[in-house]
Amino acid sequence: MLKFILRRTLLMIPQLILLSIIIFMLSKAMPGDALTSAFMSNPNASEEQIEKIRDKLGLNDPWYEQYGRWIGNAVQGDFGQSYVHKQPVTSLLAGRIENTVLLSLFTAIVIYLIAIPLGIIAGRWTDTWADKMIVTYNYFAFATPLFVFALLMLYLFSFILGWFPIGGSGNIRIEPGSWEYIVDRAKHLFLPVMSGALIGTFATIQYLRNDIIDQKIKDYVKTARSKGVPEGRVYTRHILRNSLLPIAAFLGYEITGLISGSIFIESIFSYPGLGQLFLQSISQRDFTVVTALVMVSGAAVIIGTLLSDIILSIVDPRIRIE
């Protein structure tokens, strides 16, 4: 296991380098540069003044020199300066990453809490009324766009019923660490988490249902039944053990995927996380922030793949990755 983790960690280094080059080149291909949005609101700035600042910041240097400076600083945790927010990009991300991680973590937990029981019921009691209801819900979750469902949740539970806040991540007037603060954070998280979870369950439910149906006709299941093993034990000891392994393995990738894909949820609920910051930075041409966010998201996906492989080897002792 230790050799596997070390080997995969070393393999991540060239992947991250290639990712950084692609991201940097794409940022350079975008119209404008880091100073474009900074001087859009200043009509008195002349082209000569802007060019002098570009030369001073090294924005007119060859791309490989700019990349060398950028990646050298990024390795040290310095992604540059946000010209819109007037602060270091690292500080800007640090203030929002906690919100996105909390949102993604709780969304993944709720997805599994909903999807696993429904998938087991649908797979074990196939073609019953319960299975038909679950399949109907699954089709609804698959066909409904996330932003439409999130808007409906916001309209119903915030504007009509008034049960939950319209937006934000917490009340700044409440003292952090108190019980009131925890309850308030939970209220702000509830709608974004449930919106993402209720629509995001369809893949896990469908996979688990299909795999259980496939496992039921395997030879080892028939052998267990022929030996008189109770039906409940056949499912818990044999079928579910094999069917749940891939789902457990996807946990690391699921969480990191949610972290990098929470743009719609955060925008609709005005949740101050990385997704909302990403859209704002694109519209404001704050390319230093955009580049850092894409780099962080790509690195999270690579790390999530490693976590998934580690989880798979832990939950199934029969698997040995050497």
C-alpha atoms as a PDB file:
ATOM      1  CA  MET A   1       0.000   0.000   0.000  1.00  0.00           C
ATOM      2  CA  LEU A   2       2.786   2.438   0.912  1.00  0.00           C
ATOM      3  CA  LYS A   3       4.581   1.745  -2.364  1.00  0.00           C
ATOM      4  CA  PHE A   4       1.350   2.320  -4.282  1.00  0.00           C
ATOM      5  CA  ILE A   5       0.688   5.666  -2.570  1.00  0.00           C
ATOM      6  CA  LEU A   6       4.274   6.803  -3.174  1.00  0.00           C
ATOM      7  CA  ARG A   7       4.177   5.736  -6.831  1.00  0.00           C
ATOM      8  CA  ARG A   8       0.857   7.487  -7.468  1.00  0.00           C
ATOM      9  CA  THR A   9       2.061  10.614  -5.682  1.00  0.00           C
ATOM     10  CA  LEU A  10       5.153  10.782  -7.874  1.00  0.00           C
ATOM     11  CA  LEU A  11       2.949  10.226 -10.947  1.00  0.00           C
ATOM     12  CA  MET A  12       0.892  13.259  -9.932  1.00  0.00           C
ATOM     13  CA  ILE A  13       3.890  15.578 -10.391  1.00  0.00           C
ATOM     14  CA  PRO A  14       4.090  15.401 -14.239  1.00  0.00           C
ATOM     15  CA  GLN A  15       0.287  15.486 -14.381  1.00  0.00           C
ATOM     16  CA  LEU A  16       0.199  18.715 -12.382  1.00  0.00           C
ATOM     17  CA  ILE A  17       3.007  20.222 -14.495  1.00  0.00           C
ATOM     18  CA  LEU A  18       1.153  19.409 -17.731  1.00  0.00           C
ATOM     19  CA  LEU A  19      -2.069  20.754 -16.234  1.00  0.00           C
ATOM     20  CA  SER A  20      -0.365  23.997 -15.203  1.00  0.00           C
ATOM     21  CA  ILE A  21       1.046  24.522 -18.710  1.00  0.00           C
ATOM     22  CA  ILE A  22      -2.348  23.976 -20.339  1.00  0.00           C
ATOM     23  CA  ILE A  23      -4.099  26.302 -17.890  1.00  0.00           C
ATOM     24  CA  PHE A  24      -1.457  29.014 -18.288  1.00  0.00           C
ATOM     25  CA  MET A  25      -1.592  28.882 -22.097  1.00  0.00           C
ATOM     26  CA  LEU A  26      -5.396  29.004 -22.100  1.00  0.00           C
ATOM     27  CA  SER A  27      -5.334  32.037 -19.801  1.00  0.00           C
ATOM     28  CA  LYS A  28      -2.958  33.752 -22.222  1.00  0.00           C
ATOM     29  CA  ALA A  29      -5.293  32.942 -25.130  1.00  0.00           C
ATOM     30  CA  MET A  30      -8.165  34.803 -23.438  1.00  0.00           C
ATOM     31  CA  PRO A  31      -8.927  38.314 -24.700  1.00  0.00           C
ATOM     32  CA  GLY A  32      -7.278  41.033 -22.635  1.00  0.00           C
ATOM     33  CA  ASP A  33      -4.934  40.504 -19.712  1.00  0.00           C
ATOM     34  CA  ALA A  34      -4.737  41.037 -15.980  1.00  0.00           C
ATOM     35  CA  LEU A  35      -4.856  44.829 -16.381  1.00  0.00           C
ATOM     36  CA  THR A  36      -7.780  45.000 -18.793  1.00  0.00           C
ATOM     37  CA  SER A  37     -10.540  45.040 -16.195  1.00  0.00           C
ATOM     38  CA  ALA A  38      -8.496  47.222 -13.857  1.00  0.00           C
ATOM     39  CA  PHE A  39      -8.410  50.087 -16.391  1.00  0.00           C
ATOM     40  CA  MET A  40     -11.841  49.580 -17.985  1.00  0.00           C
ATOM     41  CA  SER A  41     -13.385  51.859 -15.349  1.00  0.00           C
ATOM     42  CA  ASN A  42     -10.653  54.488 -15.772  1.00  0.00           C
ATOM     43  CA  PRO A  43     -11.146  56.324 -19.080  1.00  0.00           C
ATOM     44  CA  ASN A  44      -8.305  58.731 -18.272  1.00  0.00           C
ATOM     45  CA  ALA A  45      -5.652  56.016 -18.449  1.00  0.00           C
ATOM     46  CA  SER A  46      -3.678  56.268 -21.692  1.00  0.00           C
ATOM     47  CA  GLU A  47      -2.286  53.379 -23.715  1.00  0.00           C
ATOM     48  CA  GLU A  48       1.245  54.508 -22.917  1.00  0.00           C
ATOM     49  CA  GLN A  49       0.597  54.339 -19.183  1.00  0.00           C
ATOM     50  CA  ILE A  50      -0.957  50.885 -19.487  1.00  0.00           C
ATOM     51  CA  GLU A  51       1.983  49.636 -21.573  1.00  0.00           C
ATOM     52  CA  LYS A  52       4.465  50.904 -18.991  1.00  0.00           C
ATOM     53  CA  ILE A  53       2.655  49.003 -16.253  1.00  0.00           C
ATOM     54  CA  ARG A  54       2.567  45.882 -18.451  1.00  0.00           C
ATOM     55  CA  ASP A  55       6.318  46.119 -18.957  1.00  0.00           C
ATOM     56  CA  LYS A  56       6.859  46.644 -15.243  1.00  0.00           C
ATOM     57  CA  LEU A  57       4.777  43.573 -14.371  1.00  0.00           C
ATOM     58  CA  GLY A  58       6.426  41.463 -17.083  1.00  0.00           C
ATOM     59  CA  LEU A  59       3.207  40.928 -19.032  1.00  0.00           C
ATOM     60  CA  ASN A  60       4.984  41.641 -22.326  1.00  0.00           C
ATOM     61  CA  ASP A  61       7.717  39.049 -21.674  1.00  0.00           C
ATOM     62  CA  PRO A  62       7.769  35.762 -23.646  1.00  0.00           C
ATOM     63  CA  TRP A  63       5.234  33.232 -22.420  1.00  0.00           C
ATOM     64  CA  TYR A  64       7.838  30.793 -21.088  1.00  0.00           C
ATOM     65  CA  GLU A  65       9.364  33.486 -18.868  1.00  0.00           C
ATOM     66  CA  GLN A  66       5.912  34.415 -17.559  1.00  0.00           C
ATOM     67  CA  TYR A  67       5.118  30.750 -16.977  1.00  0.00           C
ATOM     68  CA  GLY A  68       8.384  30.207 -15.111  1.00  0.00           C
ATOM     69  CA  ARG A  69       7.647  33.082 -12.752  1.00  0.00           C
ATOM     70  CA  TRP A  70       4.028  32.022 -12.296  1.00  0.00           C
ATOM     71  CA  ILE A  71       4.699  28.343 -11.556  1.00  0.00           C
ATOM     72  CA  GLY A  72       7.635  29.219  -9.300  1.00  0.00           C
ATOM     73  CA  ASN A  73       5.426  31.475  -7.209  1.00  0.00           C
ATOM     74  CA  ALA A  74       2.509  29.012  -7.330  1.00  0.00           C
ATOM     75  CA  VAL A  75       4.660  26.251  -5.820  1.00  0.00           C
ATOM     76  CA  GLN A  76       5.260  28.594  -2.892  1.00  0.00           C
ATOM     77  CA  GLY A  77       1.518  29.289  -2.565  1.00  0.00           C
ATOM     78  CA  ASP A  78       1.602  32.650  -4.337  1.00  0.00           C
ATOM     79  CA  PHE A  79      -0.849  32.827  -7.268  1.00  0.00           C
ATOM     80  CA  GLY A  80      -0.411  36.530  -7.837  1.00  0.00           C
ATOM     81  CA  GLN A  81      -2.541  39.573  -7.150  1.00  0.00           C
ATOM     82  CA  SER A  82      -6.240  40.019  -7.860  1.00  0.00           C
ATOM     83  CA  TYR A  83      -6.602  43.316  -9.673  1.00  0.00           C
ATOM     84  CA  VAL A  84     -10.350  43.399  -8.986  1.00  0.00           C
ATOM     85  CA  HIS A  85     -10.362  42.543  -5.278  1.00  0.00           C
ATOM     86  CA  LYS A  86      -7.044  44.307  -4.620  1.00  0.00           C
ATOM     87  CA  GLN A  87      -5.601  41.477  -2.529  1.00  0.00           C
ATOM     88  CA  PRO A  88      -3.440  38.364  -3.006  1.00  0.00           C
ATOM     89  CA  VAL A  89      -5.234  35.499  -4.759  1.00  0.00           C
ATOM     90  CA  THR A  90      -4.169  33.063  -2.021  1.00  0.00           C
ATOM     91  CA  SER A  91      -5.895  35.158   0.649  1.00  0.00           C
ATOM     92  CA  LEU A  92      -8.984  35.454  -1.544  1.00  0.00           C
ATOM     93  CA  LEU A  93      -9.207  31.678  -2.009  1.00  0.00           C
ATOM     94  CA  ALA A  94      -8.531  30.965   1.664  1.00  0.00           C
ATOM     95  CA  GLY A  95     -11.582  32.989   2.638  1.00  0.00           C
ATOM     96  CA  ARG A  96     -13.883  30.914   0.433  1.00  0.00           C
ATOM     97  CA  ILE A  97     -12.482  27.403   0.220  1.00  0.00           C
ATOM     98  CA  GLU A  98     -13.892  26.405   3.617  1.00  0.00           C
ATOM     99  CA  ASN A  99     -17.428  27.190   2.420  1.00  0.00           C
ATOM    100  CA  THR A 100     -17.018  25.150  -0.758  1.00  0.00           C
ATOM    101  CA  VAL A 101     -15.476  22.171   1.074  1.00  0.00           C
ATOM    102  CA  LEU A 102     -18.329  22.152   3.621  1.00  0.00           C
ATOM    103  CA  LEU A 103     -20.928  22.366   0.867  1.00  0.00           C
ATOM    104  CA  SER A 104     -19.332  19.574  -1.175  1.00  0.00           C
ATOM    105  CA  LEU A 105     -18.712  17.292   1.812  1.00  0.00           C
ATOM    106  CA  PHE A 106     -22.266  17.480   3.146  1.00  0.00           C
ATOM    107  CA  THR A 107     -23.707  17.147  -0.365  1.00  0.00           C
ATOM    108  CA  ALA A 108     -21.718  13.941  -0.925  1.00  0.00           C
ATOM    109  CA  ILE A 109     -22.838  12.545   2.449  1.00  0.00           C
ATOM    110  CA  VAL A 110     -26.519  13.244   1.707  1.00  0.00           C
ATOM    111  CA  ILE A 111     -26.186  11.771  -1.786  1.00  0.00           C
ATOM    112  CA  TYR A 112     -24.928   8.498  -0.335  1.00  0.00           C
ATOM    113  CA  LEU A 113     -27.503   8.486   2.480  1.00  0.00           C
ATOM    114  CA  ILE A 114     -30.292   8.774  -0.093  1.00  0.00           C
ATOM    115  CA  ALA A 115     -28.884   6.799  -3.012  1.00  0.00           C
ATOM    116  CA  ILE A 116     -27.596   3.676  -1.262  1.00  0.00           C
ATOM    117  CA  PRO A 117     -30.874   2.681   0.493  1.00  0.00           C
ATOM    118  CA  LEU A 118     -32.931   3.480  -2.625  1.00  0.00           C
ATOM    119  CA  GLY A 119     -30.535   1.578  -4.869  1.00  0.00           C
ATOM    120  CA  ILE A 120     -30.625  -1.459  -2.573  1.00  0.00           C
ATOM    121  CA  ILE A 121     -34.429  -1.461  -2.408  1.00  0.00           C
ATOM    122  CA  ALA A 122     -34.785  -1.058  -6.180  1.00  0.00           C
ATOM    123  CA  GLY A 123     -32.214  -3.777  -6.897  1.00  0.00           C
ATOM    124  CA  ARG A 124     -33.489  -6.319  -4.388  1.00  0.00           C
ATOM    125  CA  TRP A 125     -37.226  -5.941  -5.034  1.00  0.00           C
ATOM    126  CA  THR A 126     -37.133  -5.411  -8.783  1.00  0.00           C
ATOM    127  CA  ASP A 127     -40.398  -4.600 -10.620  1.00  0.00           C
ATOM    128  CA  THR A 128     -42.311  -3.966  -7.394  1.00  0.00           C
ATOM    129  CA  TRP A 129     -44.180  -0.711  -6.730  1.00  0.00           C
ATOM    130  CA  ALA A 130     -41.237   0.514  -4.650  1.00  0.00           C
ATOM    131  CA  ASP A 131     -38.824  -0.134  -7.524  1.00  0.00           C
ATOM    132  CA  LYS A 132     -41.114   1.672  -9.983  1.00  0.00           C
ATOM    133  CA  MET A 133     -41.360   4.713  -7.704  1.00  0.00           C
ATOM    134  CA  ILE A 134     -37.579   4.835  -7.266  1.00  0.00           C
ATOM    135  CA  VAL A 135     -36.991   4.494 -11.020  1.00  0.00           C
ATOM    136  CA  THR A 136     -39.496   7.304 -11.637  1.00  0.00           C
ATOM    137  CA  TYR A 137     -37.668   9.525  -9.153  1.00  0.00           C
ATOM    138  CA  ASN A 138     -34.394   8.596 -10.816  1.00  0.00           C
ATOM    139  CA  TYR A 139     -35.672   9.628 -14.249  1.00  0.00           C
ATOM    140  CA  PHE A 140     -36.913  12.901 -12.759  1.00  0.00           C
ATOM    141  CA  ALA A 141     -33.510  13.609 -11.165  1.00  0.00           C
ATOM    142  CA  PHE A 142     -31.723  12.745 -14.412  1.00  0.00           C
ATOM    143  CA  ALA A 143     -33.944  14.930 -16.608  1.00  0.00           C
ATOM    144  CA  THR A 144     -34.196  17.990 -14.341  1.00  0.00           C
ATOM    145  CA  PRO A 145     -31.478  20.635 -14.807  1.00  0.00           C
ATOM    146  CA  LEU A 146     -29.743  21.444 -11.539  1.00  0.00           C
ATOM    147  CA  PHE A 147     -30.201  25.203 -11.847  1.00  0.00           C
ATOM    148  CA  VAL A 148     -33.959  24.815 -12.463  1.00  0.00           C
ATOM    149  CA  PHE A 149     -34.438  22.580  -9.423  1.00  0.00           C
ATOM    150  CA  ALA A 150     -32.287  24.865  -7.247  1.00  0.00           C
ATOM    151  CA  LEU A 151     -34.332  27.903  -8.281  1.00  0.00           C
ATOM    152  CA  LEU A 152     -37.563  26.068  -7.419  1.00  0.00           C
ATOM    153  CA  MET A 153     -36.174  25.090  -4.006  1.00  0.00           C
ATOM    154  CA  LEU A 154     -35.103  28.679  -3.362  1.00  0.00           C
ATOM    155  CA  TYR A 155     -38.465  30.101  -4.442  1.00  0.00           C
ATOM    156  CA  LEU A 156     -40.540  27.628  -2.418  1.00  0.00           C
ATOM    157  CA  PHE A 157     -38.608  27.350   0.848  1.00  0.00           C
ATOM    158  CA  SER A 158     -37.093  30.843   1.028  1.00  0.00           C
ATOM    159  CA  PHE A 159     -39.447  33.256  -0.725  1.00  0.00           C
ATOM    160  CA  ILE A 160     -42.814  31.518  -0.187  1.00  0.00           C
ATOM    161  CA  LEU A 161     -42.412  29.652   3.107  1.00  0.00           C
ATOM    162  CA  GLY A 162     -39.520  31.686   4.529  1.00  0.00           C
ATOM    163  CA  TRP A 163     -38.017  28.675   6.294  1.00  0.00           C
ATOM    164  CA  PHE A 164     -34.437  29.222   5.130  1.00  0.00           C
ATOM    165  CA  PRO A 165     -32.222  32.228   4.286  1.00  0.00           C
ATOM    166  CA  ILE A 166     -32.246  33.522   0.723  1.00  0.00           C
ATOM    167  CA  GLY A 167     -28.457  33.485   0.400  1.00  0.00           C
ATOM    168  CA  GLY A 168     -25.095  33.751   2.073  1.00  0.00           C
ATOM    169  CA  SER A 169     -23.212  31.317   4.301  1.00  0.00           C
ATOM    170  CA  GLY A 170     -23.968  32.724   7.749  1.00  0.00           C
ATOM    171  CA  ASN A 171     -24.920  35.729   9.818  1.00  0.00           C
ATOM    172  CA  ILE A 172     -21.798  37.803  10.519  1.00  0.00           C
ATOM    173  CA  ARG A 173     -23.397  39.214  13.674  1.00  0.00           C
ATOM    174  CA  ILE A 174     -23.405  35.803  15.394  1.00  0.00           C
ATOM    175  CA  GLU A 175     -20.324  34.841  17.373  1.00  0.00           C
ATOM    176  CA  PRO A 176     -18.386  32.013  15.651  1.00  0.00           C
ATOM    177  CA  GLY A 177     -18.211  28.754  17.591  1.00  0.00           C
ATOM    178  CA  SER A 178     -21.472  29.217  19.477  1.00  0.00           C
ATOM    179  CA  TRP A 179     -24.434  26.852  19.153  1.00  0.00           C
ATOM    180  CA  GLU A 180     -26.424  29.652  17.504  1.00  0.00           C
ATOM    181  CA  TYR A 181     -23.641  30.007  14.945  1.00  0.00           C
ATOM    182  CA  ILE A 182     -23.717  26.272  14.112  1.00  0.00           C
ATOM    183  CA  VAL A 183     -27.512  26.322  13.678  1.00  0.00           C
ATOM    184  CA  ASP A 184     -27.279  29.394  11.465  1.00  0.00           C
ATOM    185  CA  ARG A 185     -24.598  27.807   9.252  1.00  0.00           C
ATOM    186  CA  ALA A 186     -26.749  24.674   8.970  1.00  0.00           C
ATOM    187  CA  LYS A 187     -29.740  26.742   7.826  1.00  0.00           C
ATOM    188  CA  HIS A 188     -27.650  28.433   5.147  1.00  0.00           C
ATOM    189  CA  LEU A 189     -26.260  25.073   3.992  1.00  0.00           C
ATOM    190  CA  PHE A 190     -29.533  23.136   3.948  1.00  0.00           C
ATOM    191  CA  LEU A 191     -31.031  24.327   0.649  1.00  0.00           C
ATOM    192  CA  PRO A 192     -27.777  24.243  -1.386  1.00  0.00           C
ATOM    193  CA  VAL A 193     -26.940  20.780  -0.034  1.00  0.00           C
ATOM    194  CA  MET A 194     -30.400  19.306  -0.629  1.00  0.00           C
ATOM    195  CA  SER A 195     -30.660  20.846  -4.096  1.00  0.00           C
ATOM    196  CA  GLY A 196     -27.380  19.302  -5.162  1.00  0.00           C
ATOM    197  CA  ALA A 197     -28.010  15.980  -3.426  1.00  0.00           C
ATOM    198  CA  LEU A 198     -31.549  15.301  -4.642  1.00  0.00           C
ATOM    199  CA  ILE A 199     -30.516  15.858  -8.253  1.00  0.00           C
ATOM    200  CA  GLY A 200     -27.114  14.182  -7.896  1.00  0.00           C
ATOM    201  CA  THR A 201     -28.330  10.783  -6.682  1.00  0.00           C
ATOM    202  CA  PHE A 202     -29.448   9.299  -9.986  1.00  0.00           C
ATOM    203  CA  ALA A 203     -26.064   7.899 -11.064  1.00  0.00           C
ATOM    204  CA  THR A 204     -25.425   6.092  -7.763  1.00  0.00           C
ATOM    205  CA  ILE A 205     -28.978   4.728  -7.556  1.00  0.00           C
ATOM    206  CA  GLN A 206     -28.938   3.465 -11.133  1.00  0.00           C
ATOM    207  CA  TYR A 207     -25.503   1.910 -10.831  1.00  0.00           C
ATOM    208  CA  LEU A 208     -26.285   0.164  -7.548  1.00  0.00           C
ATOM    209  CA  ARG A 209     -29.658  -1.104  -8.784  1.00  0.00           C
ATOM    210  CA  ASN A 210     -28.203  -2.519 -11.996  1.00  0.00           C
ATOM    211  CA  ASP A 211     -25.242  -4.110 -10.214  1.00  0.00           C
ATOM    212  CA  ILE A 212     -27.447  -5.812  -7.614  1.00  0.00           C
ATOM    213  CA  ILE A 213     -29.685  -7.196 -10.377  1.00  0.00           C
ATOM    214  CA  ASP A 214     -26.567  -8.468 -12.159  1.00  0.00           C
ATOM    215  CA  GLN A 215     -25.094  -9.987  -8.979  1.00  0.00           C
ATOM    216  CA  LYS A 216     -28.331 -11.863  -8.151  1.00  0.00           C
ATOM    217  CA  ILE A 217     -27.863 -14.230 -11.073  1.00  0.00           C
ATOM    218  CA  LYS A 218     -24.157 -14.934 -10.529  1.00  0.00           C
ATOM    219  CA  ASP A 219     -23.028 -18.507  -9.799  1.00  0.00           C
ATOM    220  CA  TYR A 220     -21.678 -17.732  -6.332  1.00  0.00           C
ATOM    221  CA  VAL A 221     -25.105 -16.418  -5.284  1.00  0.00           C
ATOM    222  CA  LYS A 222     -26.836 -19.517  -6.624  1.00  0.00           C
ATOM    223  CA  THR A 223     -24.338 -21.693  -4.756  1.00  0.00           C
ATOM    224  CA  ALA A 224     -24.980 -19.832  -1.491  1.00  0.00           C
ATOM    225  CA  ARG A 225     -28.734 -20.260  -1.889  1.00  0.00           C
ATOM    226  CA  SER A 226     -28.387 -23.951  -2.721  1.00  0.00           C
ATOM    227  CA  LYS A 227     -26.494 -24.404   0.573  1.00  0.00           C
ATOM    228  CA  GLY A 228     -29.452 -23.010   2.478  1.00  0.00           C
ATOM    229  CA  VAL A 229     -27.956 -19.618   3.327  1.00  0.00           C
ATOM    230  CA  PRO A 230     -30.782 -17.263   4.426  1.00  0.00           C
ATOM    231  CA  GLU A 231     -31.784 -14.703   1.821  1.00  0.00           C
ATOM    232  CA  GLY A 232     -30.893 -11.781   4.067  1.00  0.00           C
ATOM    233  CA  ARG A 233     -27.388 -13.097   4.579  1.00  0.00           C
ATOM    234  CA  VAL A 234     -27.007 -13.736   0.833  1.00  0.00           C
ATOM    235  CA  TYR A 235     -27.566 -10.036   0.255  1.00  0.00           C
ATOM    236  CA  THR A 236     -25.497  -8.660   3.130  1.00  0.00           C
ATOM    237  CA  ARG A 237     -22.542 -11.076   2.908  1.00  0.00           C
ATOM    238  CA  HIS A 238     -22.322 -11.545  -0.851  1.00  0.00           C
ATOM    239  CA  ILE A 239     -24.349  -9.302  -3.148  1.00  0.00           C
ATOM    240  CA  LEU A 240     -24.120  -5.984  -1.312  1.00  0.00           C
ATOM    241  CA  ARG A 241     -20.482  -6.464  -0.419  1.00  0.00           C
ATOM    242  CA  ASN A 242     -19.529  -6.686  -4.088  1.00  0.00           C
ATOM    243  CA  SER A 243     -21.989  -4.045  -5.293  1.00  0.00           C
ATOM    244  CA  LEU A 244     -20.973  -1.392  -2.772  1.00  0.00           C
ATOM    245  CA  LEU A 245     -17.239  -1.632  -3.415  1.00  0.00           C
ATOM    246  CA  PRO A 246     -17.142   0.538  -6.571  1.00  0.00           C
ATOM    247  CA  ILE A 247     -19.430   3.114  -4.938  1.00  0.00           C
ATOM    248  CA  ALA A 248     -17.121   3.363  -1.933  1.00  0.00           C
ATOM    249  CA  ALA A 249     -14.190   3.714  -4.296  1.00  0.00           C
ATOM    250  CA  PHE A 250     -15.804   6.692  -6.017  1.00  0.00           C
ATOM    251  CA  LEU A 251     -16.143   8.610  -2.725  1.00  0.00           C
ATOM    252  CA  GLY A 252     -12.902  10.568  -3.079  1.00  0.00           C
ATOM    253  CA  TYR A 253     -13.623  11.476  -6.688  1.00  0.00           C
ATOM    254  CA  GLU A 254     -17.237  12.380  -5.789  1.00  0.00           C
ATOM    255  CA  ILE A 255     -16.191  14.913  -3.153  1.00  0.00           C
ATOM    256  CA  THR A 256     -13.512  16.558  -5.291  1.00  0.00           C
ATOM    257  CA  GLY A 257     -15.866  16.578  -8.271  1.00  0.00           C
ATOM    258  CA  LEU A 258     -18.435  18.444  -6.209  1.00  0.00           C
ATOM    259  CA  ILE A 259     -15.795  20.917  -5.059  1.00  0.00           C
ATOM    260  CA  SER A 260     -14.878  21.777  -8.637  1.00  0.00           C
ATOM    261  CA  GLY A 261     -18.466  21.674  -9.939  1.00  0.00           C
ATOM    262  CA  SER A 262     -20.435  23.760  -7.443  1.00  0.00           C
ATOM    263  CA  ILE A 263     -20.713  26.815  -9.710  1.00  0.00           C
ATOM    264  CA  PHE A 264     -24.483  26.745 -10.296  1.00  0.00           C
ATOM    265  CA  ILE A 265     -25.421  26.029  -6.692  1.00  0.00           C
ATOM    266  CA  GLU A 266     -23.206  28.743  -5.256  1.00  0.00           C
ATOM    267  CA  SER A 267     -24.390  31.297  -7.801  1.00  0.00           C
ATOM    268  CA  ILE A 268     -28.106  30.622  -7.308  1.00  0.00           C
ATOM    269  CA  PHE A 269     -27.939  30.672  -3.518  1.00  0.00           C
ATOM    270  CA  SER A 270     -25.386  33.531  -3.382  1.00  0.00           C
ATOM    271  CA  TYR A 271     -23.148  31.177  -1.431  1.00  0.00           C
ATOM    272  CA  PRO A 272     -19.663  32.708  -1.067  1.00  0.00           C
ATOM    273  CA  GLY A 273     -17.547  29.821  -2.303  1.00  0.00           C
ATOM    274  CA  LEU A 274     -15.061  29.076  -5.073  1.00  0.00           C
ATOM    275  CA  GLY A 275     -17.765  28.509  -7.710  1.00  0.00           C
ATOM    276  CA  GLN A 276     -19.315  31.914  -7.257  1.00  0.00           C
ATOM    277  CA  LEU A 277     -15.863  33.504  -7.247  1.00  0.00           C
ATOM    278  CA  PHE A 278     -15.041  31.694 -10.501  1.00  0.00           C
ATOM    279  CA  LEU A 279     -18.016  33.173 -12.377  1.00  0.00           C
ATOM    280  CA  GLN A 280     -17.376  36.634 -10.973  1.00  0.00           C
ATOM    281  CA  SER A 281     -13.711  36.477 -11.962  1.00  0.00           C
ATOM    282  CA  ILE A 282     -14.531  35.450 -15.537  1.00  0.00           C
ATOM    283  CA  SER A 283     -17.054  38.277 -15.995  1.00  0.00           C
ATOM    284  CA  GLN A 284     -14.589  40.776 -14.486  1.00  0.00           C
ATOM    285  CA  ARG A 285     -11.614  39.385 -16.462  1.00  0.00           C
ATOM    286  CA  ASP A 286      -9.685  38.742 -13.262  1.00  0.00           C
ATOM    287  CA  PHE A 287      -7.545  36.105 -14.969  1.00  0.00           C
ATOM    288  CA  THR A 288      -5.104  35.587 -12.111  1.00  0.00           C
ATOM    289  CA  VAL A 289      -7.993  34.346  -9.968  1.00  0.00           C
ATOM    290  CA  VAL A 290      -9.461  32.258 -12.821  1.00  0.00           C
ATOM    291  CA  THR A 291      -6.105  30.562 -13.458  1.00  0.00           C
ATOM    292  CA  ALA A 292      -5.625  29.774  -9.770  1.00  0.00           C
ATOM    293  CA  LEU A 293      -9.166  28.367  -9.434  1.00  0.00           C
ATOM    294  CA  VAL A 294      -8.825  26.106 -12.469  1.00  0.00           C
ATOM    295  CA  MET A 295      -5.452  24.904 -11.207  1.00  0.00           C
ATOM    296  CA  VAL A 296      -6.876  24.144  -7.761  1.00  0.00           C
ATOM    297  CA  SER A 297      -9.876  22.317  -9.277  1.00  0.00           C
ATOM    298  CA  GLY A 298      -7.675  20.223 -11.556  1.00  0.00           C
ATOM    299  CA  ALA A 299      -5.364  19.317  -8.695  1.00  0.00           C
ATOM    300  CA  ALA A 300      -8.408  18.356  -6.596  1.00  0.00           C
ATOM    301  CA  VAL A 301      -9.581  15.936  -9.296  1.00  0.00           C
ATOM    302  CA  ILE A 302      -6.147  14.295  -9.501  1.00  0.00           C
ATOM    303  CA  ILE A 303      -5.983  13.965  -5.706  1.00  0.00           C
ATOM    304  CA  GLY A 304      -9.556  12.622  -5.653  1.00  0.00           C
ATOM    305  CA  THR A 305      -8.588   9.840  -8.045  1.00  0.00           C
ATOM    306  CA  LEU A 306      -5.763   8.850  -5.702  1.00  0.00           C
ATOM    307  CA  LEU A 307      -8.132   8.873  -2.706  1.00  0.00           C
ATOM    308  CA  SER A 308     -10.615   6.677  -4.573  1.00  0.00           C
ATOM    309  CA  ASP A 309      -7.958   4.031  -5.243  1.00  0.00           C
ATOM    310  CA  ILE A 310      -6.853   4.111  -1.599  1.00  0.00           C
ATOM    311  CA  ILE A 311     -10.441   3.787  -0.327  1.00  0.00           C
ATOM    312  CA  LEU A 312     -11.068   0.830  -2.639  1.00  0.00           C
ATOM    313  CA  SER A 313      -8.038  -1.033  -1.272  1.00  0.00           C
ATOM    314  CA  ILE A 314      -9.141  -0.298   2.319  1.00  0.00           C
ATOM    315  CA  VAL A 315     -12.786  -1.381   2.044  1.00  0.00           C
ATOM    316  CA  ASP A 316     -11.883  -4.638   0.273  1.00  0.00           C
ATOM    317  CA  PRO A 317      -9.000  -6.538   1.951  1.00  0.00           C
ATOM    318  CA  ARG A 318      -8.944  -8.952  -0.980  1.00  0.00           C
ATOM    319  CA  ILE A 319      -7.593  -6.225  -3.212  1.00  0.00           C
ATOM    320  CA  ARG A 320      -3.866  -5.708  -2.969  1.00  0.00           C
ATOM    321  CA  ILE A 321      -2.365  -2.870  -4.953  1.00  0.00           C
ATOM    322  CA  GLU A 322       1.366  -3.222  -4.929  1.00  0.00           C
END
